Amino acid sequence: MKITTIGIDLAKNIFAVHGVNEHGRTVLKKVLKRNHVAEFFANLPACVIGMEACASAHYWARKLQIGSTPKVSRC
């Protein structure tokens, strides 16, 4: 179960995380509280983390650069 890409839906207090492998199959679905996000990603292997641009997206992109590659998309 190697996660290659993670999508994260940033919200005020609850974050939805969806991870896929190299074949595009879902291997991770999780809901995290704000205070557990950094710890959760610190324990994952390096991967690409995608998030939609919002007020806190750049903060989380900097925070999640723990070996991973965060990408902020503009809609």
PDB file of N, CA and C in Angstrom:
ATOM      1  N   MET A   1       0.836  -1.174   0.000  1.00  0.00           N
ATOM      2  CA  MET A   1       0.000   0.000   0.000  1.00  0.00           C
ATOM      3  C   MET A   1       0.886   1.244   0.000  1.00  0.00           C
ATOM      4  N   LYS A   2       1.447   1.586  -1.125  1.00  0.00           N
ATOM      5  CA  LYS A   2       2.291   2.774  -1.233  1.00  0.00           C
ATOM      6  C   LYS A   2       1.446   3.940  -1.730  1.00  0.00           C
ATOM      7  N   ILE A   3       1.332   4.943  -0.914  1.00  0.00           N
ATOM      8  CA  ILE A   3       0.569   6.138  -1.280  1.00  0.00           C
ATOM      9  C   ILE A   3       1.478   7.050  -2.093  1.00  0.00           C
ATOM     10  N   THR A   4       1.027   7.427  -3.286  1.00  0.00           N
ATOM     11  CA  THR A   4       1.829   8.316  -4.125  1.00  0.00           C
ATOM     12  C   THR A   4       1.282   9.740  -4.142  1.00  0.00           C
ATOM     13  N   THR A   5      -0.043   9.872  -4.016  1.00  0.00           N
ATOM     14  CA  THR A   5      -0.670  11.192  -4.071  1.00  0.00           C
ATOM     15  C   THR A   5      -1.769  11.282  -3.022  1.00  0.00           C
ATOM     16  N   ILE A   6      -1.815  12.419  -2.353  1.00  0.00           N
ATOM     17  CA  ILE A   6      -2.853  12.661  -1.350  1.00  0.00           C
ATOM     18  C   ILE A   6      -3.548  13.974  -1.687  1.00  0.00           C
ATOM     19  N   GLY A   7      -4.866  13.948  -1.615  1.00  0.00           N
ATOM     20  CA  GLY A   7      -5.660  15.163  -1.723  1.00  0.00           C
ATOM     21  C   GLY A   7      -6.197  15.495  -0.349  1.00  0.00           C
ATOM     22  N   ILE A   8      -6.113  16.751   0.028  1.00  0.00           N
ATOM     23  CA  ILE A   8      -6.605  17.152   1.350  1.00  0.00           C
ATOM     24  C   ILE A   8      -7.576  18.313   1.184  1.00  0.00           C
ATOM     25  N   ASP A   9      -8.739  18.162   1.796  1.00  0.00           N
ATOM     26  CA  ASP A   9      -9.753  19.214   1.786  1.00  0.00           C
ATOM     27  C   ASP A   9      -9.587  20.017   3.067  1.00  0.00           C
ATOM     28  N   LEU A  10      -9.134  21.240   2.919  1.00  0.00           N
ATOM     29  CA  LEU A  10      -8.875  22.101   4.074  1.00  0.00           C
ATOM     30  C   LEU A  10     -10.171  22.766   4.522  1.00  0.00           C
ATOM     31  N   ALA A  11     -10.448  22.676   5.790  1.00  0.00           N
ATOM     32  CA  ALA A  11     -11.617  23.329   6.367  1.00  0.00           C
ATOM     33  C   ALA A  11     -11.180  24.024   7.655  1.00  0.00           C
ATOM     34  N   LYS A  12     -12.132  24.522   8.403  1.00  0.00           N
ATOM     35  CA  LYS A  12     -11.772  25.260   9.607  1.00  0.00           C
ATOM     36  C   LYS A  12     -11.236  24.340  10.704  1.00  0.00           C
ATOM     37  N   ASN A  13     -11.928  23.243  10.978  1.00  0.00           N
ATOM     38  CA  ASN A  13     -11.517  22.363  12.071  1.00  0.00           C
ATOM     39  C   ASN A  13     -11.302  20.914  11.660  1.00  0.00           C
ATOM     40  N   ILE A  14     -11.971  20.464  10.609  1.00  0.00           N
ATOM     41  CA  ILE A  14     -11.912  19.073  10.171  1.00  0.00           C
ATOM     42  C   ILE A  14     -11.332  19.022   8.762  1.00  0.00           C
ATOM     43  N   PHE A  15     -10.398  18.084   8.532  1.00  0.00           N
ATOM     44  CA  PHE A  15      -9.726  17.946   7.246  1.00  0.00           C
ATOM     45  C   PHE A  15     -10.007  16.554   6.690  1.00  0.00           C
ATOM     46  N   ALA A  16     -10.438  16.471   5.445  1.00  0.00           N
ATOM     47  CA  ALA A  16     -10.673  15.185   4.791  1.00  0.00           C
ATOM     48  C   ALA A  16      -9.447  14.852   3.949  1.00  0.00           C
ATOM     49  N   VAL A  17      -8.924  13.631   4.111  1.00  0.00           N
ATOM     50  CA  VAL A  17      -7.713  13.196   3.416  1.00  0.00           C
ATOM     51  C   VAL A  17      -8.055  11.993   2.553  1.00  0.00           C
ATOM     52  N   HIS A  18      -7.605  12.020   1.294  1.00  0.00           N
ATOM     53  CA  HIS A  18      -7.861  10.939   0.343  1.00  0.00           C
ATOM     54  C   HIS A  18      -6.543  10.598  -0.341  1.00  0.00           C
ATOM     55  N   GLY A  19      -6.075   9.362  -0.188  1.00  0.00           N
ATOM     56  CA  GLY A  19      -4.801   8.953  -0.777  1.00  0.00           C
ATOM     57  C   GLY A  19      -4.980   7.879  -1.828  1.00  0.00           C
ATOM     58  N   VAL A  20      -4.190   7.958  -2.905  1.00  0.00           N
ATOM     59  CA  VAL A  20      -4.231   6.955  -3.974  1.00  0.00           C
ATOM     60  C   VAL A  20      -2.828   6.408  -4.220  1.00  0.00           C
ATOM     61  N   ASN A  21      -2.781   5.210  -4.808  1.00  0.00           N
ATOM     62  CA  ASN A  21      -1.491   4.606  -5.152  1.00  0.00           C
ATOM     63  C   ASN A  21      -1.133   4.940  -6.594  1.00  0.00           C
ATOM     64  N   GLU A  22      -0.055   4.330  -7.103  1.00  0.00           N
ATOM     65  CA  GLU A  22       0.412   4.638  -8.458  1.00  0.00           C
ATOM     66  C   GLU A  22      -0.572   4.217  -9.543  1.00  0.00           C
ATOM     67  N   HIS A  23      -1.543   3.359  -9.219  1.00  0.00           N
ATOM     68  CA  HIS A  23      -2.555   2.917 -10.181  1.00  0.00           C
ATOM     69  C   HIS A  23      -3.841   3.739 -10.078  1.00  0.00           C
ATOM     70  N   GLY A  24      -3.863   4.724  -9.198  1.00  0.00           N
ATOM     71  CA  GLY A  24      -5.035   5.567  -9.022  1.00  0.00           C
ATOM     72  C   GLY A  24      -6.105   4.953  -8.136  1.00  0.00           C
ATOM     73  N   ARG A  25      -5.779   3.885  -7.449  1.00  0.00           N
ATOM     74  CA  ARG A  25      -6.734   3.223  -6.558  1.00  0.00           C
ATOM     75  C   ARG A  25      -6.685   3.862  -5.166  1.00  0.00           C
ATOM     76  N   THR A  26      -7.841   4.031  -4.582  1.00  0.00           N
ATOM     77  CA  THR A  26      -7.931   4.608  -3.242  1.00  0.00           C
ATOM     78  C   THR A  26      -7.339   3.656  -2.217  1.00  0.00           C
ATOM     79  N   VAL A  27      -6.385   4.144  -1.451  1.00  0.00           N
ATOM     80  CA  VAL A  27      -5.768   3.339  -0.398  1.00  0.00           C
ATOM     81  C   VAL A  27      -5.880   4.014   0.972  1.00  0.00           C
ATOM     82  N   LEU A  28      -6.416   5.228   1.002  1.00  0.00           N
ATOM     83  CA  LEU A  28      -6.529   5.947   2.269  1.00  0.00           C
ATOM     84  C   LEU A  28      -7.702   6.915   2.217  1.00  0.00           C
ATOM     85  N   LYS A  29      -8.571   6.838   3.194  1.00  0.00           N
ATOM     86  CA  LYS A  29      -9.641   7.817   3.405  1.00  0.00           C
ATOM     87  C   LYS A  29      -9.670   8.077   4.894  1.00  0.00           C
ATOM     88  N   LYS A  30      -9.505   9.326   5.261  1.00  0.00           N
ATOM     89  CA  LYS A  30      -9.417   9.636   6.686  1.00  0.00           C
ATOM     90  C   LYS A  30      -9.923  11.052   6.928  1.00  0.00           C
ATOM     91  N   VAL A  31     -10.487  11.260   8.087  1.00  0.00           N
ATOM     92  CA  VAL A  31     -10.903  12.587   8.529  1.00  0.00           C
ATOM     93  C   VAL A  31     -10.053  12.927   9.752  1.00  0.00           C
ATOM     94  N   LEU A  32      -9.414  14.096   9.712  1.00  0.00           N
ATOM     95  CA  LEU A  32      -8.507  14.500  10.790  1.00  0.00           C
ATOM     96  C   LEU A  32      -8.951  15.818  11.404  1.00  0.00           C
ATOM     97  N   LYS A  33      -8.714  15.962  12.681  1.00  0.00           N
ATOM     98  CA  LYS A  33      -8.900  17.259  13.328  1.00  0.00           C
ATOM     99  C   LYS A  33      -7.645  18.092  13.085  1.00  0.00           C
ATOM    100  N   ARG A  34      -7.798  19.387  13.118  1.00  0.00           N
ATOM    101  CA  ARG A  34      -6.717  20.331  12.814  1.00  0.00           C
ATOM    102  C   ARG A  34      -5.439  20.046  13.601  1.00  0.00           C
ATOM    103  N   ASN A  35      -5.539  19.710  14.862  1.00  0.00           N
ATOM    104  CA  ASN A  35      -4.345  19.526  15.679  1.00  0.00           C
ATOM    105  C   ASN A  35      -3.636  18.195  15.428  1.00  0.00           C
ATOM    106  N   HIS A  36      -4.191  17.311  14.589  1.00  0.00           N
ATOM    107  CA  HIS A  36      -3.557  16.032  14.278  1.00  0.00           C
ATOM    108  C   HIS A  36      -2.963  15.975  12.871  1.00  0.00           C
ATOM    109  N   VAL A  37      -3.169  16.997  12.062  1.00  0.00           N
ATOM    110  CA  VAL A  37      -2.757  16.964  10.654  1.00  0.00           C
ATOM    111  C   VAL A  37      -1.246  16.868  10.493  1.00  0.00           C
ATOM    112  N   ALA A  38      -0.489  17.729  11.127  1.00  0.00           N
ATOM    113  CA  ALA A  38       0.973  17.730  10.966  1.00  0.00           C
ATOM    114  C   ALA A  38       1.576  16.413  11.437  1.00  0.00           C
ATOM    115  N   GLU A  39       1.107  15.891  12.545  1.00  0.00           N
ATOM    116  CA  GLU A  39       1.615  14.618  13.069  1.00  0.00           C
ATOM    117  C   GLU A  39       1.299  13.466  12.116  1.00  0.00           C
ATOM    118  N   PHE A  40       0.097  13.462  11.547  1.00  0.00           N
ATOM    119  CA  PHE A  40      -0.297  12.412  10.608  1.00  0.00           C
ATOM    120  C   PHE A  40       0.624  12.396   9.389  1.00  0.00           C
ATOM    121  N   PHE A  41       0.872  13.566   8.790  1.00  0.00           N
ATOM    122  CA  PHE A  41       1.707  13.630   7.595  1.00  0.00           C
ATOM    123  C   PHE A  41       3.183  13.387   7.904  1.00  0.00           C
ATOM    124  N   ALA A  42       3.613  13.681   9.102  1.00  0.00           N
ATOM    125  CA  ALA A  42       5.002  13.413   9.487  1.00  0.00           C
ATOM    126  C   ALA A  42       5.281  11.916   9.525  1.00  0.00           C
ATOM    127  N   ASN A  43       4.257  11.109   9.773  1.00  0.00           N
ATOM    128  CA  ASN A  43       4.416   9.660   9.849  1.00  0.00           C
ATOM    129  C   ASN A  43       4.177   8.948   8.524  1.00  0.00           C
ATOM    130  N   LEU A  44       3.870   9.683   7.461  1.00  0.00           N
ATOM    131  CA  LEU A  44       3.661   9.090   6.137  1.00  0.00           C
ATOM    132  C   LEU A  44       4.942   9.169   5.318  1.00  0.00           C
ATOM    133  N   PRO A  45       5.130   8.240   4.368  1.00  0.00           N
ATOM    134  CA  PRO A  45       6.268   8.373   3.458  1.00  0.00           C
ATOM    135  C   PRO A  45       6.064   9.581   2.533  1.00  0.00           C
ATOM    136  N   ALA A  46       7.135  10.057   1.946  1.00  0.00           N
ATOM    137  CA  ALA A  46       7.069  11.225   1.058  1.00  0.00           C
ATOM    138  C   ALA A  46       6.126  10.959  -0.108  1.00  0.00           C
ATOM    139  N   CYS A  47       5.301  11.944  -0.443  1.00  0.00           N
ATOM    140  CA  CYS A  47       4.361  11.838  -1.555  1.00  0.00           C
ATOM    141  C   CYS A  47       3.969  13.251  -1.988  1.00  0.00           C
ATOM    142  N   VAL A  48       3.118  13.332  -3.001  1.00  0.00           N
ATOM    143  CA  VAL A  48       2.595  14.615  -3.454  1.00  0.00           C
ATOM    144  C   VAL A  48       1.298  14.873  -2.698  1.00  0.00           C
ATOM    145  N   ILE A  49       1.171  16.073  -2.146  1.00  0.00           N
ATOM    146  CA  ILE A  49      -0.031  16.451  -1.398  1.00  0.00           C
ATOM    147  C   ILE A  49      -0.691  17.607  -2.140  1.00  0.00           C
ATOM    148  N   GLY A  50      -1.898  17.385  -2.626  1.00  0.00           N
ATOM    149  CA  GLY A  50      -2.627  18.414  -3.360  1.00  0.00           C
ATOM    150  C   GLY A  50      -3.712  19.035  -2.509  1.00  0.00           C
ATOM    151  N   MET A  51      -3.848  20.354  -2.631  1.00  0.00           N
ATOM    152  CA  MET A  51      -4.900  21.056  -1.895  1.00  0.00           C
ATOM    153  C   MET A  51      -5.375  22.243  -2.714  1.00  0.00           C
ATOM    154  N   GLU A  52      -6.639  22.590  -2.538  1.00  0.00           N
ATOM    155  CA  GLU A  52      -7.204  23.726  -3.244  1.00  0.00           C
ATOM    156  C   GLU A  52      -6.799  25.018  -2.542  1.00  0.00           C
ATOM    157  N   ALA A  53      -6.543  26.045  -3.326  1.00  0.00           N
ATOM    158  CA  ALA A  53      -6.140  27.329  -2.758  1.00  0.00           C
ATOM    159  C   ALA A  53      -7.273  27.916  -1.925  1.00  0.00           C
ATOM    160  N   CYS A  54      -6.953  28.282  -0.714  1.00  0.00           N
ATOM    161  CA  CYS A  54      -7.888  28.962   0.178  1.00  0.00           C
ATOM    162  C   CYS A  54      -7.052  29.803   1.138  1.00  0.00           C
ATOM    163  N   ALA A  55      -7.677  30.393   2.111  1.00  0.00           N
ATOM    164  CA  ALA A  55      -6.963  31.302   3.006  1.00  0.00           C
ATOM    165  C   ALA A  55      -5.802  30.638   3.735  1.00  0.00           C
ATOM    166  N   SER A  56      -5.947  29.389   4.127  1.00  0.00           N
ATOM    167  CA  SER A  56      -4.892  28.729   4.906  1.00  0.00           C
ATOM    168  C   SER A  56      -4.044  27.754   4.091  1.00  0.00           C
ATOM    169  N   ALA A  57      -4.254  27.669   2.787  1.00  0.00           N
ATOM    170  CA  ALA A  57      -3.545  26.679   1.963  1.00  0.00           C
ATOM    171  C   ALA A  57      -2.034  26.884   1.977  1.00  0.00           C
ATOM    172  N   HIS A  58      -1.570  28.109   1.906  1.00  0.00           N
ATOM    173  CA  HIS A  58      -0.122  28.347   1.880  1.00  0.00           C
ATOM    174  C   HIS A  58       0.517  28.026   3.234  1.00  0.00           C
ATOM    175  N   TYR A  59      -0.208  28.275   4.304  1.00  0.00           N
ATOM    176  CA  TYR A  59       0.279  27.894   5.633  1.00  0.00           C
ATOM    177  C   TYR A  59       0.465  26.384   5.696  1.00  0.00           C
ATOM    178  N   TRP A  60      -0.551  25.619   5.275  1.00  0.00           N
ATOM    179  CA  TRP A  60      -0.460  24.160   5.339  1.00  0.00           C
ATOM    180  C   TRP A  60       0.562  23.618   4.354  1.00  0.00           C
ATOM    181  N   ALA A  61       0.712  24.246   3.207  1.00  0.00           N
ATOM    182  CA  ALA A  61       1.733  23.802   2.247  1.00  0.00           C
ATOM    183  C   ALA A  61       3.124  23.912   2.863  1.00  0.00           C
ATOM    184  N   ARG A  62       3.398  25.008   3.543  1.00  0.00           N
ATOM    185  CA  ARG A  62       4.699  25.154   4.212  1.00  0.00           C
ATOM    186  C   ARG A  62       4.847  24.142   5.344  1.00  0.00           C
ATOM    187  N   LYS A  63       3.801  23.936   6.107  1.00  0.00           N
ATOM    188  CA  LYS A  63       3.833  23.029   7.256  1.00  0.00           C
ATOM    189  C   LYS A  63       4.028  21.571   6.827  1.00  0.00           C
ATOM    190  N   LEU A  64       3.506  21.191   5.662  1.00  0.00           N
ATOM    191  CA  LEU A  64       3.558  19.797   5.215  1.00  0.00           C
ATOM    192  C   LEU A  64       4.761  19.483   4.332  1.00  0.00           C
ATOM    193  N   GLN A  65       5.723  20.367   4.249  1.00  0.00           N
ATOM    194  CA  GLN A  65       6.926  20.116   3.459  1.00  0.00           C
ATOM    195  C   GLN A  65       7.904  19.209   4.189  1.00  0.00           C
ATOM    196  N   ILE A  66       7.415  18.299   4.987  1.00  0.00           N
ATOM    197  CA  ILE A  66       8.247  17.372   5.753  1.00  0.00           C
ATOM    198  C   ILE A  66       8.586  16.194   4.844  1.00  0.00           C
ATOM    199  N   GLY A  67       9.400  16.403   3.825  1.00  0.00           N
ATOM    200  CA  GLY A  67       9.752  15.339   2.897  1.00  0.00           C
ATOM    201  C   GLY A  67       8.767  15.180   1.757  1.00  0.00           C
ATOM    202  N   SER A  68       7.565  15.704   1.893  1.00  0.00           N
ATOM    203  CA  SER A  68       6.556  15.598   0.842  1.00  0.00           C
ATOM    204  C   SER A  68       6.595  16.827  -0.049  1.00  0.00           C
ATOM    205  N   THR A  69       5.832  16.764  -1.144  1.00  0.00           N
ATOM    206  CA  THR A  69       5.764  17.873  -2.086  1.00  0.00           C
ATOM    207  C   THR A  69       4.345  18.425  -2.114  1.00  0.00           C
ATOM    208  N   PRO A  70       4.058  19.481  -1.381  1.00  0.00           N
ATOM    209  CA  PRO A  70       2.712  20.058  -1.414  1.00  0.00           C
ATOM    210  C   PRO A  70       2.487  20.872  -2.684  1.00  0.00           C
ATOM    211  N   LYS A  71       1.289  20.764  -3.241  1.00  0.00           N
ATOM    212  CA  LYS A  71       0.902  21.520  -4.432  1.00  0.00           C
ATOM    213  C   LYS A  71      -0.406  22.236  -4.128  1.00  0.00           C
ATOM    214  N   VAL A  72      -0.451  23.531  -4.386  1.00  0.00           N
ATOM    215  CA  VAL A  72      -1.666  24.317  -4.190  1.00  0.00           C
ATOM    216  C   VAL A  72      -2.233  24.621  -5.562  1.00  0.00           C
ATOM    217  N   SER A  73      -3.494  24.218  -5.795  1.00  0.00           N
ATOM    218  CA  SER A  73      -4.107  24.436  -7.107  1.00  0.00           C
ATOM    219  C   SER A  73      -5.026  25.646  -7.056  1.00  0.00           C
ATOM    220  N   ARG A  74      -5.082  26.347  -8.161  1.00  0.00           N
ATOM    221  CA  ARG A  74      -6.016  27.463  -8.300  1.00  0.00           C
ATOM    222  C   ARG A  74      -7.170  26.989  -9.160  1.00  0.00           C
ATOM    223  N   CYS A  75      -8.376  27.341  -8.761  1.00  0.00           N
ATOM    224  CA  CYS A  75      -9.561  26.899  -9.517  1.00  0.00           C
ATOM    225  C   CYS A  75     -10.028  27.949 -10.472  1.00  0.00           C
TER     226      CYS A  75
END
